[in-house]
Protein backbone atom coordinates (compact mmCIF):
# COMPACT_ATOMS: atom_id res chain seq x y z
CA MET A 1 -128.59 -4.21 -20.28
CA THR A 2 -128.57 -1.25 -22.63
CA ALA A 3 -126.32 0.70 -20.25
CA VAL A 4 -123.83 -2.18 -20.10
CA MET A 5 -123.73 -2.50 -23.90
CA THR A 6 -123.27 1.26 -24.26
CA ALA A 7 -120.40 1.27 -21.76
CA ARG A 8 -118.71 -1.61 -23.57
CA TRP A 9 -119.16 0.12 -26.94
CA GLN A 10 -117.69 3.35 -25.60
CA SER A 11 -114.81 1.45 -24.01
CA GLY A 12 -114.08 -0.36 -27.26
CA LEU A 13 -114.30 2.87 -29.23
CA SER A 14 -111.95 4.66 -26.83
CA ALA A 15 -109.48 1.76 -26.96
CA ALA A 16 -109.59 1.68 -30.76
CA THR A 17 -109.08 5.44 -30.87
CA ALA A 18 -106.16 5.21 -28.45
CA LEU A 19 -104.54 2.49 -30.54
CA ASP A 20 -105.05 4.48 -33.73
CA LEU A 21 -103.57 7.62 -32.17
CA SER A 22 -100.52 5.72 -30.88
CA ALA A 23 -99.96 4.29 -34.37
CA ARG A 24 -100.19 7.77 -35.90
CA LEU A 25 -97.73 9.11 -33.34
CA TRP A 26 -95.36 6.26 -34.16
CA TRP A 27 -95.63 7.09 -37.86
CA CYS A 28 -94.94 10.80 -37.27
CA VAL A 29 -91.82 10.10 -35.23
CA THR A 30 -90.64 7.40 -37.63
CA ALA A 31 -91.22 9.53 -40.72
CA ALA A 32 -89.41 12.50 -39.19
CA GLY A 33 -86.49 10.32 -38.15
CA GLN A 34 -86.16 8.60 -41.51
CA TRP A 35 -86.45 11.85 -43.45
CA ILE A 36 -83.76 13.46 -41.29
CA PHE A 37 -81.52 10.47 -41.95
CA ALA A 38 -82.35 10.63 -45.68
CA ALA A 39 -81.42 14.32 -45.74
CA TYR A 40 -78.13 13.48 -44.03
CA VAL A 41 -77.30 10.66 -46.46
CA ALA A 42 -78.18 12.79 -49.49
CA GLY A 43 -76.45 15.92 -48.23
CA TYR A 44 -73.35 14.11 -47.01
CA TYR A 45 -72.69 11.48 -49.69
CA ILE A 46 -74.02 12.95 -52.93
CA PRO A 47 -71.64 15.98 -52.90
CA MET A 48 -68.82 13.68 -51.84
CA LEU A 49 -69.42 11.38 -54.81
CA SER A 50 -70.16 14.15 -57.30
CA GLN A 51 -66.98 16.05 -56.44
CA GLY A 52 -64.55 13.21 -55.85
CA GLY A 53 -66.08 10.25 -57.63
CA LEU A 54 -65.78 6.88 -55.96
CA GLN A 55 -62.54 7.97 -54.30
CA GLY A 56 -64.55 10.58 -52.46
CA LEU A 57 -65.79 7.73 -50.27
CA GLN A 58 -62.40 7.77 -48.58
CA LYS A 59 -63.64 10.78 -46.61
CA ALA A 60 -66.80 9.02 -45.47
CA HIS A 61 -67.38 7.54 -42.02
CA LEU A 62 -67.70 4.05 -43.50
CA PHE A 63 -65.81 0.90 -42.59
CA ASN A 64 -64.47 -0.52 -45.87
CA GLY A 65 -66.24 2.33 -47.63
CA TYR A 66 -63.57 2.67 -50.28
CA MET A 67 -61.05 -0.02 -51.18
CA PRO A 68 -58.41 0.73 -53.87
CA GLY A 69 -58.56 -1.74 -56.72
CA ASP A 70 -62.08 -2.95 -55.95
CA GLY A 71 -63.98 -1.00 -58.58
CA PHE A 72 -67.11 -3.15 -58.51
CA GLY A 73 -67.22 -3.15 -54.73
CA ASN A 74 -66.81 0.62 -54.58
CA VAL A 75 -69.67 1.05 -57.04
CA ALA A 76 -71.76 -1.26 -54.86
CA VAL A 77 -71.01 0.90 -51.81
CA ALA A 78 -72.00 4.09 -53.63
CA ALA A 79 -75.18 2.50 -54.97
CA HIS A 80 -76.05 1.06 -51.56
CA VAL A 81 -75.75 4.52 -49.99
CA LEU A 82 -77.73 6.33 -52.69
CA LEU A 83 -80.51 3.74 -52.76
CA ALA A 84 -80.98 4.35 -49.05
CA VAL A 85 -82.26 7.84 -49.88
CA VAL A 86 -85.10 6.34 -51.92
CA LEU A 87 -85.98 3.85 -49.18
CA LEU A 88 -85.88 6.38 -46.36
CA GLY A 89 -87.70 9.05 -48.30
CA GLY A 90 -90.40 6.90 -49.87
CA GLY A 91 -91.02 4.25 -47.23
CA PRO A 92 -93.05 6.34 -44.77
CA LEU A 93 -95.24 7.68 -47.60
CA GLN A 94 -96.36 4.14 -48.42
CA LEU A 95 -97.92 3.86 -44.97
CA VAL A 96 -100.24 6.86 -45.37
CA PRO A 97 -103.85 5.71 -46.04
CA GLN A 98 -104.84 9.04 -47.60
CA ILE A 99 -102.12 8.67 -50.25
CA ARG A 100 -103.24 5.13 -51.03
CA THR A 101 -106.84 6.30 -51.40
CA ARG A 102 -106.44 9.61 -53.24
CA PHE A 103 -103.36 8.83 -55.31
CA PRO A 104 -103.48 5.08 -56.04
CA SER A 105 -101.23 5.28 -59.10
CA PHE A 106 -98.54 7.13 -57.13
CA HIS A 107 -98.84 4.56 -54.35
CA ARG A 108 -98.44 1.65 -56.76
CA TRP A 109 -95.46 3.09 -58.60
CA LEU A 110 -93.74 4.18 -55.41
CA GLY A 111 -94.40 0.71 -54.00
CA ARG A 112 -92.81 -0.97 -57.01
CA THR A 113 -89.84 1.38 -56.80
CA TYR A 114 -89.51 0.75 -53.08
CA MET A 115 -89.56 -3.02 -53.50
CA LEU A 116 -87.07 -3.01 -56.38
CA THR A 117 -84.78 -0.63 -54.51
CA ALA A 118 -84.99 -2.67 -51.31
CA VAL A 119 -84.16 -5.94 -53.09
CA THR A 120 -81.33 -4.37 -55.11
CA SER A 121 -79.86 -2.76 -52.01
CA SER A 122 -80.10 -6.04 -50.10
CA ILE A 123 -78.31 -8.00 -52.80
CA GLY A 124 -75.58 -5.35 -52.90
CA GLY A 125 -75.34 -5.38 -49.13
CA LEU A 126 -74.99 -9.15 -49.01
CA TYR A 127 -72.24 -8.96 -51.61
CA LEU A 128 -70.34 -6.33 -49.61
CA ILE A 129 -70.72 -8.19 -46.31
CA TRP A 130 -69.19 -11.41 -47.59
CA THR A 131 -66.58 -10.12 -50.05
CA ARG A 132 -64.91 -7.55 -47.80
CA PRO A 133 -63.24 -7.75 -44.38
CA ILE A 134 -65.82 -8.39 -41.67
CA PHE A 135 -66.69 -5.43 -39.48
CA GLY A 136 -66.99 -6.50 -35.85
CA ALA A 137 -67.99 -10.03 -34.89
CA LEU A 138 -69.11 -12.69 -37.34
CA ALA A 139 -72.48 -12.76 -35.57
CA ASN A 140 -73.11 -9.17 -36.68
CA SER A 141 -72.57 -10.09 -40.32
CA ILE A 142 -74.82 -13.13 -40.01
CA ALA A 143 -77.57 -11.03 -38.42
CA THR A 144 -77.37 -8.34 -41.10
CA SER A 145 -77.33 -10.97 -43.83
CA LEU A 146 -80.46 -12.57 -42.41
CA ASP A 147 -82.14 -9.17 -42.60
CA GLY A 148 -81.14 -8.89 -46.25
CA VAL A 149 -82.68 -12.29 -46.96
CA LEU A 150 -85.89 -11.33 -45.16
CA ILE A 151 -86.14 -8.15 -47.23
CA ILE A 152 -85.99 -10.17 -50.46
CA VAL A 153 -88.50 -12.75 -49.21
CA PHE A 154 -90.96 -10.20 -47.79
CA ALA A 155 -90.82 -8.11 -50.96
CA ALA A 156 -91.64 -11.16 -53.07
CA ILE A 157 -94.58 -12.11 -50.83
CA ALA A 158 -95.93 -8.55 -50.71
CA LEU A 159 -95.70 -8.28 -54.50
CA ARG A 160 -97.42 -11.62 -55.03
CA HIS A 161 -100.39 -10.60 -52.90
CA ALA A 162 -100.56 -7.19 -54.60
CA ILE A 163 -100.74 -8.84 -58.02
CA ALA A 164 -103.43 -11.21 -56.73
CA ARG A 165 -105.36 -8.20 -55.35
CA ASN A 166 -105.28 -9.62 -51.82
CA ILE A 167 -104.91 -6.08 -50.52
CA VAL A 168 -105.41 -6.79 -46.82
CA VAL A 169 -102.72 -9.48 -46.81
CA HIS A 170 -100.51 -7.38 -49.09
CA ARG A 171 -100.58 -4.46 -46.63
CA ARG A 172 -99.51 -6.71 -43.77
CA TRP A 173 -96.52 -7.98 -45.72
CA ALA A 174 -95.73 -4.48 -46.94
CA LEU A 175 -95.56 -3.35 -43.30
CA ARG A 176 -93.28 -6.27 -42.49
CA LEU A 177 -91.12 -5.30 -45.45
CA PHE A 178 -90.95 -1.73 -44.17
CA MET A 179 -89.75 -2.98 -40.77
CA VAL A 180 -86.93 -5.15 -42.10
CA THR A 181 -85.92 -2.56 -44.69
CA SER A 182 -85.67 0.04 -41.90
CA ALA A 183 -83.45 -2.24 -39.79
CA VAL A 184 -80.24 -0.29 -40.37
CA TRP A 185 -82.04 2.86 -39.25
CA PHE A 186 -83.43 1.06 -36.20
CA LEU A 187 -79.89 -0.15 -35.48
CA ARG A 188 -78.53 3.38 -35.28
CA ILE A 189 -81.25 4.94 -33.18
CA GLY A 190 -81.36 1.84 -30.99
CA PHE A 191 -77.69 2.14 -30.08
CA ARG A 192 -78.15 5.80 -29.25
CA ALA A 193 -81.19 5.19 -27.08
CA TRP A 194 -79.56 2.24 -25.28
CA SER A 195 -76.43 4.25 -24.53
CA PHE A 196 -78.55 7.10 -23.18
CA PHE A 197 -80.73 4.99 -20.89
CA THR A 198 -78.11 2.47 -19.71
CA GLY A 199 -74.78 4.25 -20.15
CA GLY A 200 -73.80 1.80 -22.89
CA ILE A 201 -73.96 -1.46 -20.96
CA GLY A 202 -72.83 -4.35 -23.14
CA ILE A 203 -71.12 -2.18 -25.77
CA GLU A 204 -67.37 -2.09 -26.40
CA ASN A 205 -67.04 1.03 -28.53
CA GLU A 206 -63.43 0.48 -29.62
CA THR A 207 -64.04 -2.99 -31.05
CA PHE A 208 -67.78 -2.59 -31.68
CA SER A 209 -68.48 -5.77 -29.75
CA GLY A 210 -70.26 -6.84 -26.59
CA PRO A 211 -73.48 -8.65 -25.64
CA PHE A 212 -75.80 -5.81 -26.57
CA VAL A 213 -74.07 -5.26 -29.91
CA TYR A 214 -74.58 -8.91 -30.87
CA ALA A 215 -78.15 -9.00 -29.58
CA TRP A 216 -79.21 -5.74 -31.23
CA HIS A 217 -77.91 -6.77 -34.63
CA PHE A 218 -80.65 -9.40 -34.55
CA GLY A 219 -83.03 -7.19 -32.58
CA GLN A 220 -82.86 -4.37 -35.13
CA TYR A 221 -85.48 -6.21 -37.21
CA LEU A 222 -86.81 -8.98 -34.93
CA LEU A 223 -88.03 -6.51 -32.28
CA PRO A 224 -89.88 -4.24 -34.78
CA LEU A 225 -91.42 -7.32 -36.37
CA ALA A 226 -92.56 -8.61 -32.98
CA ILE A 227 -94.10 -5.25 -32.08
CA LEU A 228 -95.85 -5.16 -35.45
CA GLU A 229 -97.36 -8.61 -34.88
CA LEU A 230 -98.61 -7.53 -31.46
CA TYR A 231 -100.16 -4.48 -33.12
CA PHE A 232 -101.93 -6.69 -35.67
CA ARG A 233 -103.31 -8.85 -32.86
CA ALA A 234 -104.47 -5.83 -30.86
CA ARG A 235 -106.31 -4.35 -33.84
CA ALA A 236 -108.06 -7.64 -34.46
CA SER A 237 -109.00 -8.11 -30.80
CA ASP A 238 -112.40 -7.18 -29.40
CA ASP A 239 -110.90 -6.82 -25.93
CA ALA A 240 -110.41 -3.15 -25.09
CA ARG A 241 -107.70 -4.07 -22.59
CA HIS A 242 -105.54 -5.53 -25.33
CA ARG A 243 -105.89 -2.40 -27.43
CA ILE A 244 -105.14 -0.08 -24.53
CA ALA A 245 -102.10 -2.13 -23.51
CA MET A 246 -100.81 -2.02 -27.08
CA ALA A 247 -101.44 1.72 -27.33
CA VAL A 248 -99.49 2.35 -24.12
CA GLY A 249 -96.68 0.03 -25.18
CA LEU A 250 -96.42 1.52 -28.66
CA SER A 251 -96.37 5.04 -27.21
CA ALA A 252 -93.51 4.03 -24.89
CA VAL A 253 -91.59 2.53 -27.81
CA THR A 254 -92.17 5.73 -29.78
CA LEU A 255 -90.78 7.79 -26.91
CA VAL A 256 -87.62 5.67 -26.81
CA MET A 257 -87.30 5.97 -30.58
CA GLY A 258 -87.66 9.74 -30.32
CA VAL A 259 -84.76 9.87 -27.89
CA GLY A 260 -82.64 7.75 -30.23
CA ILE A 261 -83.53 9.88 -33.24
CA TYR A 262 -82.74 13.11 -31.43
CA LEU A 263 -79.36 11.84 -30.24
CA ALA A 264 -78.41 10.32 -33.60
CA ALA A 265 -79.40 13.51 -35.41
CA THR A 266 -77.66 15.94 -33.03
CA LYS A 267 -74.58 13.83 -32.24
CA SER A 268 -73.90 12.25 -35.62
CA TRP A 269 -76.00 13.03 -38.70
CA LEU A 270 -76.32 16.81 -38.54
CA PRO A 271 -72.74 17.51 -37.32
CA ARG A 272 -71.34 15.40 -40.17
CA LEU A 273 -73.63 17.09 -42.65
CA PHE A 274 -72.57 20.50 -41.37
CA GLU A 275 -68.93 19.43 -41.56
CA ALA A 276 -69.33 18.26 -45.16
CA THR A 277 -71.19 21.41 -46.17
CA TYR A 278 -68.81 23.88 -44.60
């Protein structure tokens, strides 16, 4: 009896350790990818705006990035781009337990800044989506708009639980907020990874349409949210098989993300940054 209990305890411990390690690996890859993207956005757009003002956006690789005569819209584009640096740079830091424990004041203020920035960026994004010519299919705009609404809702729920000191529930909603706020980043690396593994099945590059394009505009936040919910369930489960399965699955997802990050960084972000710098 004692031997059986010991074996089960060791199995559960190993499964919990495997799940924890897979989550840490996911964070490392995600943080690296988001910080690379943040460096690209800052290094590419800030000099462009500082040297050329809003008209400098004409040089950017943005659909409807600059529209003559639309001063408010152009300001919204610039703000939307610059706020992304705060979200990409600060988001991963909010997920580090050691920062929450050792530097609680920093964690709280960064969290408030992150929420405010995410909501502001979402409102600006919704304005730009529905006041300017639609890019691609209408379904893409609807999907992105739904993400913007989810960001606002999740931020409100996370803040409410933080104020009420329901920390466990707050952290769950904060993680959900991180997923939907990171959707545009997931969108980019997802397209790169899909093109690499499938050759671009379901993507019409010239018109930015096709079955995968439509599906991934919803999947950019629904898939991360689904994986997060499975992770929550695995952590709460006493069944070692569930934890091991989640650890393996999360590691596989992380590998695919790594491929997407590498391709996006080497084929798009860094070349454009190098082009802008030199």
